[in-house]
Amino acid sequence: MEGHEEVRTGWSRWDSLWPFLLFYCNFLKGVFLLRIAVVDGQGGGIGKHITARLRQELPPEVEILALGTNAAATVAMIKAGANEGATGERAIIYNAPRVEAITGSLAIILADAMLGELTPAMAAAIAASPARKFLLPINRSGVEVIGVTPEPLPHLIEALVNRVKFFYQEGGDKDV
């Protein structure tokens, strides 16, 4: 079009900096706001239990983001106490680098896990995220983690919640 100029705001290049800026501003105020993504698929049962326990154990200012591979999983986690929820590949890819911690089963970093619901792009985004990952060693994807003793799911979730709680208390230190 003649006479039409494209308007650029410049915000797109700053999109990846906003989580850091928010963290830094809160750090200066002496406040550590933690955003935790709980990722699950299928019916959302594991994510629902993780979300419920995190909500019970962490202060209300900790934000829990439910990221489901499908709507049923997202809804289950929101009902369990997540602040927000998003569904699908694009939502997981977008939000994975924008949180301080990611929780779920080991399957969330394995391509085509959860009967194919977790796409290779989702697994790559979660694995590449700078967020600290707290993963349950559940052997449903044909991967066995050597050195991990089998425990009932409630015990694993309790251990996960304790680690996330410690991570929060330490101010989000990546080396906890």
Protein backbone atom coordinates (compact mmCIF):
# COMPACT_ATOMS: atom_id res chain seq x y z
CA MET A 1 0.00 0.00 0.00
CA GLU A 2 1.28 3.36 -0.93
CA GLY A 3 1.51 5.86 1.87
CA HIS A 4 1.06 3.18 4.55
CA GLU A 5 3.90 2.74 7.01
CA GLU A 6 4.24 -0.17 9.37
CA VAL A 7 4.17 0.87 13.00
CA ARG A 8 6.56 -0.99 15.28
CA THR A 9 6.34 -0.63 19.01
CA GLY A 10 9.57 -2.45 19.82
CA TRP A 11 7.92 -4.49 22.58
CA SER A 12 8.46 -7.84 20.88
CA ARG A 13 12.18 -7.80 21.61
CA TRP A 14 11.50 -7.15 25.31
CA ASP A 15 9.02 -10.00 25.72
CA SER A 16 11.69 -12.39 26.94
CA LEU A 17 13.01 -9.89 29.50
CA TRP A 18 9.83 -9.23 31.46
CA PRO A 19 10.14 -12.27 33.78
CA PHE A 20 13.65 -11.18 34.74
CA LEU A 21 12.59 -7.57 35.26
CA LEU A 22 9.67 -8.62 37.45
CA PHE A 23 11.96 -10.89 39.48
CA TYR A 24 14.58 -8.13 39.82
CA CYS A 25 12.07 -5.47 40.92
CA ASN A 26 10.64 -7.80 43.55
CA PHE A 27 14.16 -8.79 44.61
CA LEU A 28 14.96 -5.13 45.25
CA LYS A 29 11.82 -4.91 47.42
CA GLY A 30 12.93 -8.01 49.32
CA VAL A 31 10.08 -10.11 47.93
CA PHE A 32 10.52 -13.34 46.02
CA LEU A 33 7.44 -14.12 43.97
CA LEU A 34 7.47 -17.67 42.73
CA ARG A 35 5.60 -18.81 39.63
CA ILE A 36 5.29 -22.57 39.41
CA ALA A 37 4.05 -24.38 36.32
CA VAL A 38 2.41 -27.74 36.92
CA VAL A 39 2.40 -29.70 33.65
CA ASP A 40 0.20 -32.74 33.08
CA GLY A 41 -1.85 -34.52 30.47
CA GLN A 42 -4.41 -37.31 30.15
CA GLY A 43 -6.98 -36.65 32.92
CA GLY A 44 -4.70 -34.41 34.97
CA GLY A 45 -4.72 -36.67 38.04
CA ILE A 46 -1.06 -36.29 38.97
CA GLY A 47 -1.09 -32.55 38.25
CA LYS A 48 -4.25 -32.17 40.34
CA HIS A 49 -2.59 -33.79 43.36
CA ILE A 50 0.62 -31.77 42.94
CA THR A 51 -1.37 -28.53 42.63
CA ALA A 52 -3.51 -29.26 45.69
CA ARG A 53 -0.47 -30.04 47.86
CA LEU A 54 1.49 -27.01 46.63
CA ARG A 55 -1.49 -24.76 47.35
CA GLN A 56 -1.72 -26.18 50.91
CA GLU A 57 1.98 -25.82 51.69
CA LEU A 58 3.01 -22.58 49.99
CA PRO A 59 1.92 -19.01 50.78
CA PRO A 60 -0.93 -17.53 48.74
CA GLU A 61 1.37 -15.14 46.88
CA VAL A 62 3.00 -18.10 45.10
CA GLU A 63 1.37 -18.34 41.69
CA ILE A 64 0.55 -21.79 40.34
CA LEU A 65 0.08 -22.05 36.59
CA ALA A 66 -1.70 -25.16 35.29
CA LEU A 67 -0.35 -26.20 31.90
CA GLY A 68 -2.29 -29.08 30.42
CA THR A 69 -1.73 -31.00 27.23
CA ASN A 70 -5.53 -31.13 27.03
CA ALA A 71 -8.49 -29.25 28.51
CA ALA A 72 -9.41 -32.00 30.99
CA ALA A 73 -5.96 -31.89 32.59
CA THR A 74 -6.01 -28.09 32.79
CA VAL A 75 -9.48 -28.01 34.36
CA ALA A 76 -8.51 -30.63 36.96
CA MET A 77 -5.50 -28.57 38.04
CA ILE A 78 -7.49 -25.30 38.16
CA LYS A 79 -10.11 -26.96 40.35
CA ALA A 80 -7.30 -28.13 42.64
CA GLY A 81 -6.17 -24.54 43.24
CA ALA A 82 -4.10 -23.25 40.32
CA ASN A 83 -4.31 -19.50 39.80
CA GLU A 84 -4.41 -19.73 36.02
CA GLY A 85 -4.48 -22.38 33.36
CA ALA A 86 -3.55 -22.79 29.74
CA THR A 87 -3.90 -25.70 27.37
CA GLY A 88 -1.96 -27.10 24.45
CA GLU A 89 1.40 -27.03 22.77
CA ARG A 90 1.61 -23.29 22.21
CA ALA A 91 0.66 -22.52 25.82
CA ILE A 92 3.37 -24.82 27.18
CA ILE A 93 6.04 -23.51 24.79
CA TYR A 94 5.14 -19.90 25.63
CA ASN A 95 5.00 -20.31 29.42
CA ALA A 96 7.89 -22.74 30.08
CA PRO A 97 10.59 -20.03 30.05
CA ARG A 98 8.39 -17.59 32.00
CA VAL A 99 8.23 -19.45 35.31
CA GLU A 100 10.78 -20.10 38.05
CA ALA A 101 9.86 -23.76 38.60
CA ILE A 102 8.22 -26.55 36.60
CA THR A 103 6.72 -29.65 38.18
CA GLY A 104 5.21 -32.83 36.83
CA SER A 105 6.20 -36.38 36.04
CA LEU A 106 9.41 -37.28 34.25
CA ALA A 107 7.29 -37.79 31.14
CA ILE A 108 6.98 -34.03 30.57
CA ILE A 109 10.52 -33.92 29.17
CA LEU A 110 10.04 -37.00 26.96
CA ALA A 111 8.78 -36.54 23.40
CA ASP A 112 5.54 -38.38 22.59
CA ALA A 113 4.94 -39.32 26.23
CA MET A 114 1.46 -39.62 27.72
CA LEU A 115 0.25 -41.71 24.78
CA GLY A 116 1.50 -39.09 22.34
CA GLU A 117 -0.17 -36.08 24.01
CA LEU A 118 3.15 -34.48 24.89
CA THR A 119 4.67 -33.37 21.60
CA PRO A 120 8.41 -33.16 20.91
CA ALA A 121 8.12 -29.35 20.87
CA MET A 122 6.53 -29.34 24.35
CA ALA A 123 9.21 -31.65 25.75
CA ALA A 124 11.98 -29.54 24.21
CA ALA A 125 10.52 -26.29 25.58
CA ILE A 126 10.25 -27.70 29.10
CA ALA A 127 13.72 -29.25 29.03
CA ALA A 128 15.30 -26.05 27.63
CA SER A 129 13.54 -23.75 30.08
CA PRO A 130 15.82 -22.02 32.59
CA ALA A 131 13.26 -22.87 35.29
CA ARG A 132 14.16 -25.35 38.00
CA LYS A 133 12.45 -28.67 37.24
CA PHE A 134 10.99 -30.85 39.98
CA LEU A 135 10.01 -34.14 38.32
CA LEU A 136 8.44 -37.28 39.71
CA PRO A 137 10.25 -40.47 38.64
CA ILE A 138 7.15 -42.28 37.45
CA ASN A 139 7.94 -45.15 35.08
CA ARG A 140 5.05 -45.00 32.62
CA SER A 141 7.00 -43.90 29.56
CA GLY A 142 9.44 -46.77 29.34
CA VAL A 143 12.20 -44.83 31.12
CA GLU A 144 13.67 -46.14 34.33
CA VAL A 145 15.81 -43.84 36.46
CA ILE A 146 18.53 -45.93 38.08
CA GLY A 147 19.17 -45.27 41.76
CA VAL A 148 15.59 -44.25 42.50
CA THR A 149 13.71 -46.55 44.79
CA PRO A 150 10.05 -47.15 43.91
CA GLU A 151 7.72 -45.18 46.17
CA PRO A 152 3.94 -44.77 46.23
CA LEU A 153 2.70 -41.67 44.39
CA PRO A 154 1.60 -39.81 47.59
CA HIS A 155 5.14 -40.16 49.00
CA LEU A 156 6.68 -38.88 45.76
CA ILE A 157 4.33 -35.89 45.69
CA GLU A 158 5.14 -35.10 49.33
CA ALA A 159 8.88 -35.18 48.54
CA LEU A 160 8.31 -32.92 45.51
CA VAL A 161 6.32 -30.41 47.56
CA ASN A 162 9.02 -30.34 50.25
CA ARG A 163 11.71 -29.64 47.61
CA VAL A 164 9.64 -26.84 46.02
CA LYS A 165 8.96 -25.38 49.47
CA PHE A 166 12.69 -25.38 50.23
CA PHE A 167 13.35 -23.81 46.81
CA TYR A 168 10.88 -21.03 47.66
CA GLN A 169 12.37 -20.47 51.12
CA GLU A 170 15.85 -20.19 49.61
CA GLY A 171 14.65 -17.43 47.28
CA GLY A 172 14.64 -19.48 44.11
CA ASP A 173 18.30 -20.41 44.21
CA LYS A 174 18.93 -22.67 41.20
CA ASP A 175 21.48 -24.72 43.17
CA VAL A 176 19.13 -25.89 45.93
